[in-house]
C-alpha atoms as a PDB file:
ATOM      1  CA  MET A   1       0.000   0.000   0.000  1.00  0.00           C
ATOM      2  CA  ASN A   2       2.797   2.407   0.856  1.00  0.00           C
ATOM      3  CA  SER A   3       4.475   1.715  -2.489  1.00  0.00           C
ATOM      4  CA  SER A   4       1.284   2.640  -4.335  1.00  0.00           C
ATOM      5  CA  LYS A   5       1.014   5.868  -2.371  1.00  0.00           C
ATOM      6  CA  ASN A   6       4.614   6.780  -3.236  1.00  0.00           C
ATOM      7  CA  THR A   7       4.000   6.021  -6.910  1.00  0.00           C
ATOM      8  CA  ASN A   8       0.931   8.292  -6.970  1.00  0.00           C
ATOM      9  CA  LYS A   9       2.867  11.064  -5.261  1.00  0.00           C
ATOM     10  CA  ARG A  10       5.722  10.672  -7.755  1.00  0.00           C
ATOM     11  CA  GLU A  11       3.297  10.848 -10.701  1.00  0.00           C
ATOM     12  CA  LYS A  12       1.746  14.045  -9.323  1.00  0.00           C
ATOM     13  CA  ILE A  13       5.178  15.623  -8.887  1.00  0.00           C
ATOM     14  CA  ASP A  14       6.147  14.619 -12.444  1.00  0.00           C
ATOM     15  CA  THR A  15       2.886  16.087 -13.775  1.00  0.00           C
ATOM     16  CA  MET A  16       3.460  19.358 -11.937  1.00  0.00           C
ATOM     17  CA  ARG A  17       6.996  19.555 -13.317  1.00  0.00           C
ATOM     18  CA  MET A  18       5.787  18.924 -16.859  1.00  0.00           C
ATOM     19  CA  LYS A  19       3.130  21.629 -16.516  1.00  0.00           C
ATOM     20  CA  ASP A  20       5.788  24.027 -15.259  1.00  0.00           C
ATOM     21  CA  ILE A  21       8.139  23.178 -18.131  1.00  0.00           C
ATOM     22  CA  ILE A  22       5.420  23.654 -20.770  1.00  0.00           C
ATOM     23  CA  SER A  23       4.355  26.964 -19.210  1.00  0.00           C
ATOM     24  CA  GLN A  24       7.944  28.182 -19.184  1.00  0.00           C
ATOM     25  CA  LEU A  25       8.422  27.101 -22.788  1.00  0.00           C
ATOM     26  CA  ALA A  26       5.311  29.027 -23.823  1.00  0.00           C
ATOM     27  CA  ASP A  27       6.548  32.115 -21.943  1.00  0.00           C
ATOM     28  CA  ILE A  28       9.925  31.930 -23.666  1.00  0.00           C
ATOM     29  CA  ILE A  29       8.303  31.646 -27.099  1.00  0.00           C
ATOM     30  CA  TYR A  30       5.949  34.520 -26.273  1.00  0.00           C
ATOM     31  CA  LEU A  31       8.590  36.852 -24.832  1.00  0.00           C
ATOM     32  CA  LEU A  32      11.588  36.150 -27.051  1.00  0.00           C
ATOM     33  CA  CYS A  33       9.783  35.588 -30.337  1.00  0.00           C
ATOM     34  CA  ASN A  34       6.925  38.033 -29.737  1.00  0.00           C
ATOM     35  CA  ALA A  35       4.633  35.256 -30.943  1.00  0.00           C
ATOM     36  CA  LYS A  36       0.860  35.348 -30.765  1.00  0.00           C
ATOM     37  CA  LYS A  37      -1.196  32.681 -29.016  1.00  0.00           C
ATOM     38  CA  ASN A  38      -2.082  30.806 -32.198  1.00  0.00           C
ATOM     39  CA  ASN A  39       1.619  30.733 -33.212  1.00  0.00           C
ATOM     40  CA  ILE A  40       2.572  29.431 -29.778  1.00  0.00           C
ATOM     41  CA  THR A  41      -0.067  26.722 -30.135  1.00  0.00           C
ATOM     42  CA  ILE A  42       1.441  25.655 -33.449  1.00  0.00           C
ATOM     43  CA  ILE A  43       4.944  25.563 -31.942  1.00  0.00           C
ATOM     44  CA  LEU A  44       3.757  23.596 -28.894  1.00  0.00           C
ATOM     45  CA  ASP A  45       2.035  21.143 -31.237  1.00  0.00           C
ATOM     46  CA  GLN A  46       5.355  20.579 -33.002  1.00  0.00           C
ATOM     47  CA  LEU A  47       7.430  20.246 -29.812  1.00  0.00           C
ATOM     48  CA  THR A  48       5.016  18.330 -27.567  1.00  0.00           C
ATOM     49  CA  ASN A  49       2.213  15.815 -27.801  1.00  0.00           C
ATOM     50  CA  LEU A  50      -0.245  17.865 -25.722  1.00  0.00           C
ATOM     51  CA  THR A  51      -3.893  17.754 -26.685  1.00  0.00           C
ATOM     52  CA  LYS A  52      -6.058  20.861 -26.865  1.00  0.00           C
ATOM     53  CA  GLU A  53      -7.690  19.865 -23.589  1.00  0.00           C
ATOM     54  CA  GLU A  54      -4.319  19.541 -21.874  1.00  0.00           C
ATOM     55  CA  ARG A  55      -3.281  22.967 -23.166  1.00  0.00           C
ATOM     56  CA  ASP A  56      -6.565  24.406 -21.889  1.00  0.00           C
ATOM     57  CA  ILE A  57      -5.907  22.916 -18.445  1.00  0.00           C
ATOM     58  CA  LEU A  58      -2.554  24.729 -18.376  1.00  0.00           C
ATOM     59  CA  ASN A  59      -4.495  27.991 -18.784  1.00  0.00           C
ATOM     60  CA  LEU A  60      -1.771  29.735 -20.753  1.00  0.00           C
ATOM     61  CA  ASN A  61      -2.609  33.448 -20.871  1.00  0.00           C
ATOM     62  CA  PHE A  62      -0.802  36.099 -22.854  1.00  0.00           C
ATOM     63  CA  PRO A  63      -1.882  39.603 -21.792  1.00  0.00           C
ATOM     64  CA  ASN A  64      -0.872  41.611 -24.877  1.00  0.00           C
ATOM     65  CA  ASP A  65      -2.168  39.053 -27.341  1.00  0.00           C
ATOM     66  CA  THR A  66      -5.068  40.541 -29.290  1.00  0.00           C
ATOM     67  CA  ASP A  67      -4.836  38.463 -32.468  1.00  0.00           C
ATOM     68  CA  GLU A  68      -6.167  34.982 -31.813  1.00  0.00           C
END
Protein backbone atom coordinates (compact mmCIF):
# COMPACT_ATOMS: atom_id res chain seq x y z
CA MET A 1 0.00 0.00 0.00
CA ASN A 2 2.80 2.41 0.86
CA SER A 3 4.48 1.72 -2.49
CA SER A 4 1.28 2.64 -4.34
CA LYS A 5 1.01 5.87 -2.37
CA ASN A 6 4.61 6.78 -3.24
CA THR A 7 4.00 6.02 -6.91
CA ASN A 8 0.93 8.29 -6.97
CA LYS A 9 2.87 11.06 -5.26
CA ARG A 10 5.72 10.67 -7.76
CA GLU A 11 3.30 10.85 -10.70
CA LYS A 12 1.75 14.04 -9.32
CA ILE A 13 5.18 15.62 -8.89
CA ASP A 14 6.15 14.62 -12.44
CA THR A 15 2.89 16.09 -13.78
CA MET A 16 3.46 19.36 -11.94
CA ARG A 17 7.00 19.55 -13.32
CA MET A 18 5.79 18.92 -16.86
CA LYS A 19 3.13 21.63 -16.52
CA ASP A 20 5.79 24.03 -15.26
CA ILE A 21 8.14 23.18 -18.13
CA ILE A 22 5.42 23.65 -20.77
CA SER A 23 4.36 26.96 -19.21
CA GLN A 24 7.94 28.18 -19.18
CA LEU A 25 8.42 27.10 -22.79
CA ALA A 26 5.31 29.03 -23.82
CA ASP A 27 6.55 32.11 -21.94
CA ILE A 28 9.93 31.93 -23.67
CA ILE A 29 8.30 31.65 -27.10
CA TYR A 30 5.95 34.52 -26.27
CA LEU A 31 8.59 36.85 -24.83
CA LEU A 32 11.59 36.15 -27.05
CA CYS A 33 9.78 35.59 -30.34
CA ASN A 34 6.92 38.03 -29.74
CA ALA A 35 4.63 35.26 -30.94
CA LYS A 36 0.86 35.35 -30.76
CA LYS A 37 -1.20 32.68 -29.02
CA ASN A 38 -2.08 30.81 -32.20
CA ASN A 39 1.62 30.73 -33.21
CA ILE A 40 2.57 29.43 -29.78
CA THR A 41 -0.07 26.72 -30.13
CA ILE A 42 1.44 25.66 -33.45
CA ILE A 43 4.94 25.56 -31.94
CA LEU A 44 3.76 23.60 -28.89
CA ASP A 45 2.03 21.14 -31.24
CA GLN A 46 5.36 20.58 -33.00
CA LEU A 47 7.43 20.25 -29.81
CA THR A 48 5.02 18.33 -27.57
CA ASN A 49 2.21 15.82 -27.80
CA LEU A 50 -0.24 17.86 -25.72
CA THR A 51 -3.89 17.75 -26.69
CA LYS A 52 -6.06 20.86 -26.86
CA GLU A 53 -7.69 19.86 -23.59
CA GLU A 54 -4.32 19.54 -21.87
CA ARG A 55 -3.28 22.97 -23.17
CA ASP A 56 -6.57 24.41 -21.89
CA ILE A 57 -5.91 22.92 -18.45
CA LEU A 58 -2.55 24.73 -18.38
CA ASN A 59 -4.49 27.99 -18.78
CA LEU A 60 -1.77 29.73 -20.75
CA ASN A 61 -2.61 33.45 -20.87
CA PHE A 62 -0.80 36.10 -22.85
CA PRO A 63 -1.88 39.60 -21.79
CA ASN A 64 -0.87 41.61 -24.88
CA ASP A 65 -2.17 39.05 -27.34
CA THR A 66 -5.07 40.54 -29.29
CA ASP A 67 -4.84 38.46 -32.47
CA GLU A 68 -6.17 34.98 -31.81
